[in-house]
C-alpha atoms as a PDB file:
ATOM      1  CA  MET A   1       0.000   0.000   0.000  1.00  0.00           C
ATOM      2  CA  ALA A   2       2.702   2.504   0.994  1.00  0.00           C
ATOM      3  CA  ASP A   3       4.780   1.720  -2.092  1.00  0.00           C
ATOM      4  CA  GLU A   4       1.823   2.157  -4.451  1.00  0.00           C
ATOM      5  CA  PHE A   5       0.864   5.437  -2.832  1.00  0.00           C
ATOM      6  CA  SER A   6       4.387   6.872  -2.830  1.00  0.00           C
ATOM      7  CA  LYS A   7       4.804   5.931  -6.501  1.00  0.00           C
ATOM      8  CA  GLU A   8       1.557   7.734  -7.287  1.00  0.00           C
ATOM      9  CA  ILE A   9       2.544  11.041  -5.716  1.00  0.00           C
ATOM     10  CA  GLY A  10       6.292  10.827  -6.441  1.00  0.00           C
ATOM     11  CA  ALA A  11       9.281  12.319  -4.638  1.00  0.00           C
ATOM     12  CA  ASP A  12       8.106  15.926  -5.003  1.00  0.00           C
ATOM     13  CA  GLY A  13       4.733  15.048  -3.521  1.00  0.00           C
ATOM     14  CA  LEU A  14       6.347  13.264  -0.587  1.00  0.00           C
ATOM     15  CA  MET A  15       8.635  16.243   0.074  1.00  0.00           C
ATOM     16  CA  ALA A  16       5.729  18.676  -0.071  1.00  0.00           C
ATOM     17  CA  SER A  17       3.717  16.476   2.268  1.00  0.00           C
ATOM     18  CA  ALA A  18       6.542  16.427   4.819  1.00  0.00           C
ATOM     19  CA  SER A  19       6.138  20.156   5.425  1.00  0.00           C
ATOM     20  CA  VAL A  20       2.362  19.830   5.685  1.00  0.00           C
ATOM     21  CA  LEU A  21       2.657  16.979   8.192  1.00  0.00           C
ATOM     22  CA  GLY A  22       4.694  19.214  10.474  1.00  0.00           C
ATOM     23  CA  ARG A  23       1.664  21.442  11.068  1.00  0.00           C
ATOM     24  CA  PRO A  24      -0.408  21.171  14.282  1.00  0.00           C
ATOM     25  CA  ALA A  25      -3.044  18.420  14.219  1.00  0.00           C
ATOM     26  CA  GLU A  26      -5.855  20.908  14.955  1.00  0.00           C
ATOM     27  CA  GLU A  27      -5.405  22.365  11.474  1.00  0.00           C
ATOM     28  CA  PHE A  28      -6.478  19.157   9.763  1.00  0.00           C
ATOM     29  CA  VAL A  29      -9.782  17.483   9.115  1.00  0.00           C
ATOM     30  CA  ASN A  30      -9.892  13.724   8.548  1.00  0.00           C
ATOM     31  CA  ASP A  31      -8.501  13.864   5.045  1.00  0.00           C
ATOM     32  CA  SER A  32      -7.690  10.399   3.679  1.00  0.00           C
ATOM     33  CA  MET A  33      -4.581  11.729   1.915  1.00  0.00           C
ATOM     34  CA  VAL A  34      -3.175  13.133   5.166  1.00  0.00           C
ATOM     35  CA  GLU A  35      -3.982   9.876   6.984  1.00  0.00           C
ATOM     36  CA  GLU A  36      -2.188   7.892   4.302  1.00  0.00           C
ATOM     37  CA  LEU A  37       0.862  10.165   4.465  1.00  0.00           C
ATOM     38  CA  TRP A  38       1.003   9.736   8.250  1.00  0.00           C
ATOM     39  CA  ALA A  39       0.735   5.960   7.789  1.00  0.00           C
ATOM     40  CA  ILE A  40       3.609   5.956   5.285  1.00  0.00           C
ATOM     41  CA  LYS A  41       5.827   7.995   7.595  1.00  0.00           C
ATOM     42  CA  ALA A  42       5.001   5.783  10.610  1.00  0.00           C
ATOM     43  CA  PHE A  43       5.697   2.638   8.577  1.00  0.00           C
ATOM     44  CA  GLU A  44       9.039   3.985   7.349  1.00  0.00           C
ATOM     45  CA  HIS A  45      10.059   4.837  10.928  1.00  0.00           C
ATOM     46  CA  ALA A  46       9.121   1.318  12.080  1.00  0.00           C
ATOM     47  CA  GLU A  47      11.077  -0.238   9.216  1.00  0.00           C
ATOM     48  CA  ILE A  48      14.212   1.795  10.010  1.00  0.00           C
ATOM     49  CA  TYR A  49      13.970   1.149  13.751  1.00  0.00           C
ATOM     50  CA  PHE A  50      13.544  -2.610  13.304  1.00  0.00           C
ATOM     51  CA  ASN A  51      16.545  -2.693  10.966  1.00  0.00           C
ATOM     52  CA  LEU A  52      18.561  -0.921  13.686  1.00  0.00           C
ATOM     53  CA  LEU A  53      17.475  -3.519  16.251  1.00  0.00           C
ATOM     54  CA  SER A  54      18.447  -6.257  13.785  1.00  0.00           C
ATOM     55  CA  SER A  55      21.906  -4.752  13.291  1.00  0.00           C
ATOM     56  CA  VAL A  56      23.081  -3.268  16.593  1.00  0.00           C
ATOM     57  CA  ASP A  57      23.201  -4.471  20.193  1.00  0.00           C
ATOM     58  CA  PRO A  58      20.050  -2.804  21.581  1.00  0.00           C
ATOM     59  CA  ARG A  59      21.668  -2.276  24.984  1.00  0.00           C
ATOM     60  CA  ILE A  60      24.061   0.287  23.462  1.00  0.00           C
ATOM     61  CA  LEU A  61      21.521   1.866  21.103  1.00  0.00           C
ATOM     62  CA  ARG A  62      20.654   5.461  21.986  1.00  0.00           C
ATOM     63  CA  LEU A  63      17.359   6.764  20.650  1.00  0.00           C
ATOM     64  CA  THR A  64      17.688  10.284  22.106  1.00  0.00           C
ATOM     65  CA  LYS A  65      20.185  12.369  24.043  1.00  0.00           C
ATOM     66  CA  ILE A  66      17.971  11.972  27.107  1.00  0.00           C
ATOM     67  CA  ASP A  67      17.365   8.199  27.062  1.00  0.00           C
ATOM     68  CA  ASN A  68      18.479   7.830  30.693  1.00  0.00           C
ATOM     69  CA  ASP A  69      16.126  10.595  31.864  1.00  0.00           C
ATOM     70  CA  ILE A  70      13.199   9.132  29.929  1.00  0.00           C
ATOM     71  CA  TYR A  71      13.955   5.659  31.320  1.00  0.00           C
ATOM     72  CA  LYS A  72      14.204   6.873  34.930  1.00  0.00           C
ATOM     73  CA  HIS A  73      10.980   8.877  34.640  1.00  0.00           C
ATOM     74  CA  PHE A  74       9.205   5.965  32.918  1.00  0.00           C
ATOM     75  CA  ARG A  75      10.186   3.448  35.608  1.00  0.00           C
ATOM     76  CA  GLU A  76       9.205   5.898  38.375  1.00  0.00           C
ATOM     77  CA  THR A  77       5.809   6.412  36.727  1.00  0.00           C
ATOM     78  CA  PHE A  78       5.208   2.827  35.546  1.00  0.00           C
ATOM     79  CA  PRO A  79       7.309   0.635  37.881  1.00  0.00           C
ATOM     80  CA  LYS A  80       5.368  -2.567  37.205  1.00  0.00           C
ATOM     81  CA  MET A  81       4.720  -2.268  33.472  1.00  0.00           C
ATOM     82  CA  ASP A  82       5.939  -5.323  31.575  1.00  0.00           C
ATOM     83  CA  VAL A  83       7.483  -3.780  28.480  1.00  0.00           C
ATOM     84  CA  ALA A  84       8.380  -7.167  26.959  1.00  0.00           C
ATOM     85  CA  THR A  85       4.738  -7.778  26.053  1.00  0.00           C
ATOM     86  CA  PHE A  86       1.674  -5.683  26.705  1.00  0.00           C
ATOM     87  CA  SER A  87      -1.766  -5.213  25.209  1.00  0.00           C
ATOM     88  CA  GLN A  88      -3.368  -2.116  23.803  1.00  0.00           C
ATOM     89  CA  ASP A  89      -5.990  -2.393  26.545  1.00  0.00           C
ATOM     90  CA  GLU A  90      -3.311  -2.050  29.250  1.00  0.00           C
ATOM     91  CA  ILE A  91      -2.140   1.337  28.009  1.00  0.00           C
ATOM     92  CA  LYS A  92      -5.491   2.680  26.814  1.00  0.00           C
ATOM     93  CA  THR A  93      -7.622   2.404  29.970  1.00  0.00           C
ATOM     94  CA  PRO A  94      -8.948   5.801  31.104  1.00  0.00           C
ATOM     95  CA  GLU A  95      -6.536   5.801  34.084  1.00  0.00           C
ATOM     96  CA  ALA A  96      -3.553   4.723  31.976  1.00  0.00           C
ATOM     97  CA  LYS A  97      -4.367   7.280  29.268  1.00  0.00           C
ATOM     98  CA  GLU A  98      -4.377  10.086  31.819  1.00  0.00           C
ATOM     99  CA  THR A  99      -1.084   8.946  33.358  1.00  0.00           C
ATOM    100  CA  TRP A 100       0.476   8.601  29.903  1.00  0.00           C
ATOM    101  CA  ARG A 101      -0.842  12.018  28.840  1.00  0.00           C
ATOM    102  CA  THR A 102       0.825  13.650  31.847  1.00  0.00           C
ATOM    103  CA  PHE A 103       4.029  11.673  31.195  1.00  0.00           C
ATOM    104  CA  CYS A 104       4.110  12.648  27.510  1.00  0.00           C
ATOM    105  CA  GLU A 105       3.410  16.334  28.134  1.00  0.00           C
ATOM    106  CA  THR A 106       6.544  16.476  30.292  1.00  0.00           C
ATOM    107  CA  TYR A 107       8.557  16.107  27.068  1.00  0.00           C
ATOM    108  CA  LYS A 108       6.687  18.672  24.995  1.00  0.00           C
ATOM    109  CA  GLU A 109       9.696  21.013  24.923  1.00  0.00           C
ATOM    110  CA  THR A 110      12.545  18.474  25.035  1.00  0.00           C
ATOM    111  CA  VAL A 111      11.598  15.673  22.612  1.00  0.00           C
ATOM    112  CA  THR A 112      11.146  16.679  18.991  1.00  0.00           C
ATOM    113  CA  ASP A 113       7.729  15.615  17.688  1.00  0.00           C
ATOM    114  CA  TYR A 114       6.953  14.198  21.148  1.00  0.00           C
ATOM    115  CA  ASN A 115       3.344  13.409  20.207  1.00  0.00           C
ATOM    116  CA  TYR A 116       4.006  12.216  16.655  1.00  0.00           C
ATOM    117  CA  ALA A 117       2.080   9.046  15.741  1.00  0.00           C
ATOM    118  CA  THR A 118       4.552   6.150  15.956  1.00  0.00           C
ATOM    119  CA  LEU A 119       4.128   2.388  15.560  1.00  0.00           C
ATOM    120  CA  ILE A 120       5.188   0.169  18.453  1.00  0.00           C
ATOM    121  CA  ARG A 121       5.313  -3.622  18.749  1.00  0.00           C
ATOM    122  CA  LEU A 122       3.142  -5.206  21.432  1.00  0.00           C
ATOM    123  CA  ASP A 123       5.462  -8.225  21.747  1.00  0.00           C
ATOM    124  CA  SER A 124       9.138  -7.274  21.775  1.00  0.00           C
ATOM    125  CA  THR A 125      10.241 -10.685  20.439  1.00  0.00           C
ATOM    126  CA  LYS A 126       8.276 -10.296  17.209  1.00  0.00           C
ATOM    127  CA  GLU A 127       8.565  -8.024  14.206  1.00  0.00           C
ATOM    128  CA  TYR A 128       6.138  -5.310  13.192  1.00  0.00           C
ATOM    129  CA  SER A 129       2.884  -6.670  11.785  1.00  0.00           C
ATOM    130  CA  GLU A 130      -0.736  -5.604  11.777  1.00  0.00           C
ATOM    131  CA  ALA A 131      -1.480  -7.902  14.725  1.00  0.00           C
ATOM    132  CA  ASN A 132       1.637  -6.885  16.690  1.00  0.00           C
ATOM    133  CA  SER A 133       1.580  -3.099  16.211  1.00  0.00           C
ATOM    134  CA  ILE A 134      -0.356  -0.150  17.536  1.00  0.00           C
ATOM    135  CA  VAL A 135       0.029   3.609  17.160  1.00  0.00           C
ATOM    136  CA  VAL A 136       1.270   5.589  20.163  1.00  0.00           C
ATOM    137  CA  PRO A 137       2.758   9.069  20.670  1.00  0.00           C
ATOM    138  CA  ARG A 138       6.483   9.197  19.901  1.00  0.00           C
ATOM    139  CA  VAL A 139       7.549   9.783  23.515  1.00  0.00           C
ATOM    140  CA  GLN A 140       5.527   6.752  24.640  1.00  0.00           C
ATOM    141  CA  PHE A 141       7.332   4.698  21.976  1.00  0.00           C
ATOM    142  CA  LEU A 142      10.652   6.071  23.245  1.00  0.00           C
ATOM    143  CA  ALA A 143       9.884   5.282  26.897  1.00  0.00           C
ATOM    144  CA  ILE A 144       8.891   1.697  26.147  1.00  0.00           C
ATOM    145  CA  GLU A 145      11.641   1.002  23.594  1.00  0.00           C
ATOM    146  CA  VAL A 146      14.407   2.580  25.695  1.00  0.00           C
ATOM    147  CA  SER A 147      13.218   0.348  28.553  1.00  0.00           C
ATOM    148  CA  ARG A 148      13.156  -2.706  26.301  1.00  0.00           C
ATOM    149  CA  ASN A 149      16.681  -1.952  25.136  1.00  0.00           C
ATOM    150  CA  LYS A 150      18.078  -1.338  28.627  1.00  0.00           C
ATOM    151  CA  GLU A 151      16.283  -4.337  30.155  1.00  0.00           C
ATOM    152  CA  GLY A 152      17.297  -6.769  27.394  1.00  0.00           C
ATOM    153  CA  ASN A 153      13.844  -7.349  25.914  1.00  0.00           C
ATOM    154  CA  ASN A 154      15.039  -6.547  22.379  1.00  0.00           C
ATOM    155  CA  ASP A 155      18.160  -8.738  22.569  1.00  0.00           C
ATOM    156  CA  SER A 156      16.614 -11.621  20.595  1.00  0.00           C
ATOM    157  CA  ILE A 157      15.851  -9.451  17.555  1.00  0.00           C
ATOM    158  CA  ARG A 158      19.446  -9.481  16.268  1.00  0.00           C
ATOM    159  CA  THR A 159      19.576 -13.274  16.563  1.00  0.00           C
ATOM    160  CA  ASN A 160      16.154 -14.028  15.100  1.00  0.00           C
ATOM    161  CA  PHE A 161      15.882 -11.369  12.381  1.00  0.00           C
ATOM    162  CA  LYS A 162      18.218  -9.931   9.788  1.00  0.00           C
ATOM    163  CA  PRO A 163      18.072  -6.358   8.474  1.00  0.00           C
ATOM    164  CA  LYS A 164      15.884  -6.015   5.405  1.00  0.00           C
ATOM    165  CA  ASN A 165      16.782  -3.938   2.396  1.00  0.00           C
ATOM    166  CA  ARG A 166      14.617  -0.861   2.437  1.00  0.00           C
ATOM    167  CA  GLN A 167      12.515  -0.347  -0.623  1.00  0.00           C
ATOM    168  CA  ILE A 168      13.290   2.968  -2.243  1.00  0.00           C
ATOM    169  CA  ARG A 169      10.141   5.025  -2.581  1.00  0.00           C
ATOM    170  CA  SER A 170      10.193   7.338  -5.563  1.00  0.00           C
END
């Protein structure tokens, strides 16, 4: 789907859309083109991140300059959360949503695109798939993935998966 769409609009269209997607969400209505562009960007991020996990020891992988701060804050806020595997229901209850909203807003000024829609895997031992992925704000992705990396939950990825050649989108 993403390949077909990116071929249709071409490189110029993708570049133009990048500037539009940087605008505040309130400025948009539910336009199918915008939704598809967001989906393409989220998929490309997931593809790149999984290739990194497949190539590099996750324990030494730094996702931001403030990984340690995010990790400490995450574990103080969610001390019992099992980041190895979780369900969408666990992080989307009304109580959890409010706690996550407060957590995420802390990084509004320090994490670029802190609330950007980002795909995350529900089971850290598996690759991205429709059944194993949900959309979360970028800082929530960072908190969970930094924890997975530091706690060894992503260690099996390098053994069980090999980096895939990225398909060039024209």
